[in-house]
Protein backbone atom coordinates (compact mmCIF):
# COMPACT_ATOMS: atom_id res chain seq x y z
CA MET A 1 21.14 5.52 2.95
CA LYS A 2 23.91 8.09 2.59
CA PRO A 3 26.10 8.04 -0.94
CA ALA A 4 28.96 5.38 -0.66
CA THR A 5 32.18 6.23 -0.45
CA ARG A 6 34.44 6.42 -3.69
CA SER A 7 36.53 3.33 -2.57
CA LEU A 8 33.62 1.81 -1.88
CA GLN A 9 31.99 2.48 -5.38
CA SER A 10 35.39 1.56 -7.31
CA ARG A 11 35.35 -2.20 -5.39
CA ALA A 12 31.57 -2.52 -6.52
CA VAL A 13 31.84 -1.44 -9.95
CA CYS A 14 34.73 -3.77 -10.48
CA GLN A 15 32.59 -6.54 -8.89
CA SER A 16 30.15 -5.84 -10.94
CA LYS A 17 31.72 -6.77 -14.01
CA ILE A 18 32.48 -10.01 -12.26
CA GLN A 19 28.56 -10.55 -11.75
CA LYS A 20 28.18 -10.61 -15.67
CA PRO A 21 29.52 -13.80 -16.81
CA VAL A 22 30.68 -13.74 -20.50
CA LEU A 23 30.32 -17.24 -22.91
CA SER A 24 33.43 -18.31 -24.95
CA GLU A 25 31.51 -17.07 -28.21
CA GLY A 26 31.82 -13.97 -26.57
CA ARG A 27 28.09 -13.71 -25.85
CA THR A 28 26.56 -12.17 -22.42
CA ASP A 29 25.29 -15.19 -19.94
CA PRO A 30 21.75 -15.43 -20.30
CA LYS A 31 21.24 -15.86 -16.77
CA SER A 32 22.53 -12.17 -16.60
CA LYS A 33 19.10 -11.01 -18.78
CA ILE A 34 16.97 -12.45 -15.92
CA LEU A 35 15.17 -9.30 -14.70
CA LEU A 36 16.76 -9.35 -11.34
CA GLY A 37 17.67 -6.68 -9.18
CA ALA A 38 17.01 -4.92 -5.63
CA HIS A 39 15.51 -1.62 -4.15
CA MET A 40 18.63 0.81 -4.17
CA SER A 41 18.66 4.13 -2.18
CA ILE A 42 18.42 7.60 -3.45
CA GLY A 43 20.86 9.38 -1.51
CA GLY A 44 23.03 12.00 -3.07
CA GLY A 45 20.48 12.12 -6.21
CA VAL A 46 18.12 9.71 -8.23
CA HIS A 47 20.91 8.99 -10.30
CA MET A 48 23.09 7.50 -7.85
CA ALA A 49 20.75 4.53 -7.51
CA ILE A 50 21.63 3.52 -11.08
CA GLN A 51 25.15 3.54 -9.99
CA ARG A 52 24.48 1.24 -6.96
CA ALA A 53 22.58 -1.21 -8.75
CA CYS A 54 25.02 -1.34 -11.86
CA SER A 55 27.39 -2.43 -9.21
CA VAL A 56 26.49 -5.45 -8.02
CA GLY A 57 25.08 -6.59 -11.17
CA CYS A 58 21.57 -5.75 -11.10
CA THR A 59 19.19 -5.67 -14.55
CA THR A 60 16.79 -4.07 -12.60
CA MET A 61 16.02 -2.33 -9.54
CA GLN A 62 13.17 -0.47 -7.57
CA ILE A 63 13.53 3.13 -5.79
CA PHE A 64 11.55 5.58 -4.11
CA VAL A 65 11.07 8.95 -5.93
CA LYS A 66 11.43 11.11 -2.98
CA ASN A 67 12.27 10.56 1.26
CA ASN A 68 9.99 7.25 2.30
CA MET A 69 9.03 9.11 5.44
CA GLN A 70 8.37 12.42 4.48
CA TRP A 71 5.03 14.29 3.06
CA LEU A 72 6.80 16.82 1.10
CA ALA A 73 9.85 17.01 -0.95
CA ARG A 74 10.83 20.03 -3.16
CA PRO A 75 10.46 19.30 -7.05
CA LEU A 76 13.05 17.49 -9.25
CA THR A 77 15.05 20.03 -11.04
CA ARG A 78 15.79 19.31 -15.04
CA ARG A 79 19.36 19.00 -14.11
CA GLU A 80 18.57 16.04 -11.48
CA ILE A 81 16.16 14.26 -14.33
CA GLY A 82 18.62 14.69 -16.90
CA ALA A 83 21.30 13.33 -14.56
CA PHE A 84 18.89 10.05 -14.29
CA LEU A 85 17.59 9.86 -17.80
CA ASN A 86 21.15 10.12 -19.58
CA HIS A 87 23.15 8.22 -17.16
CA SER A 88 26.21 6.50 -18.79
CA GLN A 89 24.79 3.12 -17.11
CA ARG A 90 20.81 3.26 -17.58
CA HIS A 91 20.96 1.00 -20.30
CA GLU A 92 22.11 -1.53 -18.06
CA LEU A 93 19.13 -1.81 -16.29
CA LEU A 94 16.19 -3.09 -18.48
CA SER A 95 13.50 -2.33 -16.06
CA ILE A 96 13.32 0.51 -13.05
CA PHE A 97 9.95 1.23 -11.35
CA ALA A 98 9.09 3.19 -7.92
CA HIS A 99 7.74 2.44 -4.99
CA ALA A 100 5.70 4.89 -2.91
CA ASN A 101 6.32 6.25 0.82
CA TYR A 102 5.04 4.38 3.40
CA LEU A 103 3.06 6.91 5.14
CA ILE A 104 0.20 6.67 2.35
CA ASN A 105 -3.08 5.57 3.47
CA LEU A 106 -5.78 5.95 0.83
CA ALA A 107 -8.06 4.58 3.36
CA ALA A 108 -7.21 7.13 6.35
CA THR A 109 -9.89 8.13 8.44
CA ASN A 110 -8.59 11.07 9.48
CA PRO A 111 -9.10 13.76 7.25
CA GLN A 112 -5.84 15.57 6.70
CA PHE A 113 -3.88 12.43 6.95
CA HIS A 114 -6.20 11.43 4.02
CA ALA A 115 -5.88 14.80 2.15
CA ASN A 116 -2.09 14.74 2.38
CA SER A 117 -2.14 10.86 1.13
CA LEU A 118 -3.81 12.14 -1.76
CA ARG A 119 -1.16 15.07 -2.68
CA SER A 120 1.78 12.71 -1.68
CA LEU A 121 0.57 9.87 -4.23
CA SER A 122 -0.34 12.63 -6.94
CA GLU A 123 3.71 14.02 -6.71
CA GLU A 124 4.79 10.67 -6.62
CA LEU A 125 3.23 9.75 -9.68
CA ILE A 126 4.09 13.02 -11.59
CA ARG A 127 8.04 12.54 -10.26
CA ALA A 128 7.96 8.99 -11.60
CA ASP A 129 6.46 9.80 -14.86
CA GLN A 130 9.37 12.72 -15.09
CA LEU A 131 11.79 9.93 -14.75
CA LYS A 132 10.02 8.00 -17.39
CA LEU A 133 9.00 5.12 -14.66
CA PRO A 134 6.36 2.71 -15.59
CA PHE A 135 4.34 2.14 -12.65
CA LEU A 136 4.57 3.30 -8.86
CA VAL A 137 4.22 0.42 -5.82
CA LEU A 138 1.47 1.34 -3.95
CA HIS A 139 0.14 -0.45 -0.40
CA PRO A 140 -3.74 0.14 -0.99
CA GLY A 141 -3.98 1.17 2.71
CA ALA A 142 -5.51 0.28 6.10
CA HIS A 143 -9.37 0.80 7.18
CA LEU A 144 -7.88 1.71 10.77
CA GLY A 145 -11.36 0.09 11.94
CA ALA A 146 -13.86 1.44 9.96
CA GLY A 147 -13.93 -2.34 8.24
CA GLU A 148 -13.16 -3.84 5.28
CA GLU A 149 -15.70 -2.56 2.87
CA ALA A 150 -15.62 0.59 3.79
CA GLY A 151 -11.61 1.10 3.43
CA LEU A 152 -11.86 -0.79 0.10
CA GLU A 153 -14.76 2.04 -1.14
CA LYS A 154 -12.59 4.57 -0.11
CA ILE A 155 -9.39 3.44 -1.63
CA ILE A 156 -11.45 3.25 -4.64
CA GLU A 157 -12.95 6.65 -4.03
CA SER A 158 -9.05 7.95 -3.68
CA ILE A 159 -7.19 6.61 -6.56
CA ASP A 160 -10.20 8.20 -8.54
CA HIS A 161 -9.68 11.46 -7.61
CA VAL A 162 -5.88 11.24 -7.98
CA PHE A 163 -6.10 10.14 -11.53
CA SER A 164 -8.78 12.73 -12.38
CA ARG A 165 -6.27 15.39 -11.30
CA ILE A 166 -3.04 13.81 -13.10
CA PRO A 167 -5.01 13.13 -16.37
CA LYS A 168 -1.61 12.98 -18.86
CA ILE A 169 0.37 11.11 -16.46
CA LYS A 170 1.39 7.86 -17.51
CA THR A 171 2.86 6.00 -14.99
CA ARG A 172 0.83 3.77 -13.35
CA ILE A 173 -0.28 2.48 -10.15
CA ALA A 174 0.83 -1.00 -9.10
CA LEU A 175 -1.19 -1.96 -5.88
CA GLU A 176 1.05 -4.47 -3.76
CA THR A 177 0.13 -7.30 -2.04
CA THR A 178 0.48 -7.09 1.66
CA ALA A 179 0.63 -9.19 4.87
CA GLY A 180 -2.72 -8.17 6.48
CA GLN A 181 -0.96 -6.76 9.16
CA GLY A 182 -2.92 -4.83 11.33
CA SER A 183 -6.24 -3.22 9.67
CA CYS A 184 -4.04 -3.28 5.92
CA LEU A 185 -5.89 -4.48 2.94
CA GLY A 186 -4.49 -6.33 0.29
CA SER A 187 -3.90 -9.59 1.73
CA LYS A 188 -6.25 -11.30 0.00
CA PHE A 189 -6.18 -11.23 -3.92
CA GLU A 190 -9.84 -10.66 -3.82
CA HIS A 191 -8.99 -7.18 -2.71
CA LEU A 192 -7.09 -5.92 -5.35
CA ALA A 193 -8.98 -7.40 -7.85
CA TYR A 194 -12.35 -5.80 -6.35
CA ILE A 195 -10.21 -2.22 -6.29
CA ILE A 196 -9.33 -2.96 -9.78
CA SER A 197 -12.76 -3.64 -11.26
CA ARG A 198 -14.47 -0.48 -9.66
CA VAL A 199 -12.13 2.39 -10.08
CA ARG A 200 -12.85 4.57 -13.50
CA GLU A 201 -9.68 3.68 -14.97
CA PRO A 202 -8.36 0.36 -14.19
CA GLU A 203 -6.03 0.15 -17.19
CA ARG A 204 -4.28 2.76 -14.86
CA LEU A 205 -3.61 0.21 -12.24
CA CYS A 206 -1.60 -3.27 -12.11
CA VAL A 207 -0.40 -5.32 -9.44
CA CYS A 208 3.09 -6.19 -7.67
CA LEU A 209 3.06 -9.30 -5.77
CA ASP A 210 5.27 -10.13 -2.69
CA THR A 211 6.46 -13.43 -1.33
CA ALA A 212 6.95 -12.51 1.78
CA HIS A 213 3.51 -10.48 2.24
CA ILE A 214 1.68 -13.14 0.60
CA PHE A 215 2.78 -16.08 2.84
CA ALA A 216 2.36 -13.97 6.03
CA ALA A 217 -1.42 -13.56 4.57
CA GLY A 218 -1.97 -16.81 4.45
CA TYR A 219 -1.10 -18.30 0.78
CA ASP A 220 1.15 -21.34 1.31
CA ILE A 221 4.45 -21.51 -0.95
CA GLY A 222 6.33 -23.63 0.50
CA SER A 223 6.27 -26.57 -2.39
CA GLU A 224 6.06 -26.78 -5.72
CA SER A 225 2.53 -27.66 -5.71
CA ALA A 226 1.44 -24.86 -3.22
CA VAL A 227 3.29 -22.27 -5.36
CA ARG A 228 1.25 -23.55 -8.54
CA LYS A 229 -1.77 -23.46 -6.58
CA THR A 230 -1.02 -19.60 -5.49
CA PHE A 231 -0.05 -18.40 -8.84
CA ARG A 232 -3.40 -20.28 -10.26
CA GLU A 233 -5.56 -18.54 -7.46
CA PHE A 234 -3.71 -15.40 -8.65
CA ASP A 235 -4.64 -15.78 -12.07
CA ARG A 236 -8.13 -16.56 -11.62
CA VAL A 237 -8.70 -13.88 -9.21
CA ILE A 238 -6.41 -11.06 -10.56
CA LEU A 239 -5.39 -12.20 -14.15
CA ARG A 240 -1.68 -12.68 -14.69
CA ASP A 241 -1.74 -9.92 -17.39
CA ARG A 242 -1.97 -7.01 -14.36
CA LEU A 243 1.35 -8.59 -12.62
CA VAL A 244 3.87 -6.35 -13.35
CA ALA A 245 6.54 -7.02 -10.53
CA ILE A 246 7.29 -9.05 -8.14
CA HIS A 247 9.21 -8.54 -4.65
CA VAL A 248 11.30 -11.44 -3.95
CA ASN A 249 11.48 -11.38 0.01
CA ASP A 250 11.78 -14.77 1.99
CA SER A 251 9.61 -14.60 5.65
CA LYS A 252 10.95 -14.06 9.09
CA THR A 253 7.36 -15.30 10.07
CA ALA A 254 5.11 -18.35 9.39
CA CYS A 255 2.35 -19.06 7.07
CA GLY A 256 -0.50 -16.92 7.94
CA SER A 257 1.29 -14.81 10.94
CA ARG A 258 0.34 -11.48 9.15
CA VAL A 259 3.25 -10.06 10.33
CA ASP A 260 5.37 -8.34 7.55
CA ARG A 261 9.28 -9.18 8.49
CA HIS A 262 11.52 -10.00 5.41
CA GLU A 263 14.27 -12.27 5.73
CA HIS A 264 17.14 -13.13 3.36
CA ILE A 265 16.59 -15.56 0.45
CA GLY A 266 16.74 -19.27 1.96
CA ARG A 267 17.07 -18.10 5.10
CA GLY A 268 13.56 -17.61 6.30
CA LYS A 269 10.13 -19.60 6.65
CA ILE A 270 9.12 -19.91 2.96
CA GLY A 271 12.27 -22.05 1.46
CA LEU A 272 13.83 -22.18 -1.82
CA GLU A 273 11.16 -23.79 -4.10
CA ALA A 274 8.88 -20.94 -4.54
CA PHE A 275 11.98 -18.83 -5.50
CA ARG A 276 13.06 -21.67 -7.80
CA ILE A 277 9.90 -21.87 -9.56
CA ILE A 278 9.75 -17.93 -10.04
CA MET A 279 13.57 -17.65 -11.29
CA ARG A 280 12.86 -20.98 -13.97
CA ASP A 281 9.08 -20.84 -14.63
CA HIS A 282 9.35 -18.99 -18.48
CA ARG A 283 5.55 -16.76 -17.37
CA PHE A 284 7.77 -14.95 -15.20
CA ARG A 285 10.94 -14.00 -17.19
CA LYS A 286 9.77 -11.21 -18.28
CA ILE A 287 8.21 -9.77 -14.95
CA PRO A 288 10.89 -7.47 -12.78
CA LYS A 289 11.86 -9.55 -10.01
CA VAL A 290 13.23 -7.20 -6.93
CA LEU A 291 14.85 -7.81 -3.32
CA GLU A 292 13.59 -5.65 -0.64
CA THR A 293 15.76 -7.31 1.99
CA PRO A 294 17.84 -5.80 4.66
CA LYS A 295 21.43 -4.93 4.04
CA GLY A 296 24.11 -2.35 4.40
CA LYS A 297 25.95 0.24 2.74
CA ASP A 298 28.23 -1.79 0.99
CA LEU A 299 25.22 -3.86 -0.53
CA ARG A 300 27.22 -7.39 0.39
CA GLU A 301 23.63 -9.03 1.16
CA ASP A 302 22.16 -7.68 -2.37
CA VAL A 303 25.37 -9.59 -3.54
CA GLU A 304 24.66 -12.72 -2.05
CA ASN A 305 20.81 -12.89 -2.28
CA LEU A 306 21.36 -12.37 -6.06
CA LYS A 307 24.11 -15.06 -6.09
CA THR A 308 21.63 -17.25 -4.41
CA LEU A 309 18.34 -16.66 -6.71
CA ARG A 310 20.51 -16.44 -10.11
CA GLY A 311 21.65 -20.37 -8.86
CA LEU A 312 18.18 -21.27 -8.62
CA ILE A 313 17.83 -21.06 -12.56
CA GLY A 314 19.53 -24.02 -13.13
CA SER A 315 21.49 -24.96 -16.87
């Protein structure tokens, strides 16, 4: 996404002031402190993402730390890092984290592609650490016909290799649940649990749950009882303490379709009940919840989806 024009930014900044209601006593409405936001473009520089997120009232956001469809990127300069860390609105965001580029496949069978993946992941962890981001969300990988077991073992080996190269980096990897499209691994909670239990440094791994992905993978979250059953399963297999972020996305495809297509909140196949529980349950209150739904440059769709999610909180 290209940088927004000044006129759009000005309107958005004004809009953000409306997004944060104040109580009569002068206190901020508790709803505005919910860790809720969206993925934001870094077009024009990583610091621009902060401005975009704050313009629509986000309290958290996710970013790429480089172009998400390219292997290589020039190193971040001190000026770029400083502009991000010292941004005047940085304090408005209670949580910021990153997402790795989509080219990375730690289970790749092609030697050159696998080498590129290892190098790219290492570089992105370094960049995220320079920006003081706590974790980098990563799709585990696709076995490309080698089979689940071989794919999982290669992911474990790859993570161990990457972490051994950058021992002082504090940014963790947040393995993301996937829809299971094609040969993608991570569609079962057991996949992530297997990886975490077998890497040499499990403390450097955590988990990001995507609502659209788990729904497409076959986890029913269409009703209150189904949502609670799914999260009990997550707690049993992975443990809730590993959960550090939730991608709040509705799904264009049906439960079990194994097709990854995000939809706006309430307009997809999941329905609102799953999002109502996620927004209301105190156990998710301190976990950042981020949209990855389609949007234009003016972020109007983000405003609408955020409003819908906040409306589910209740009094």
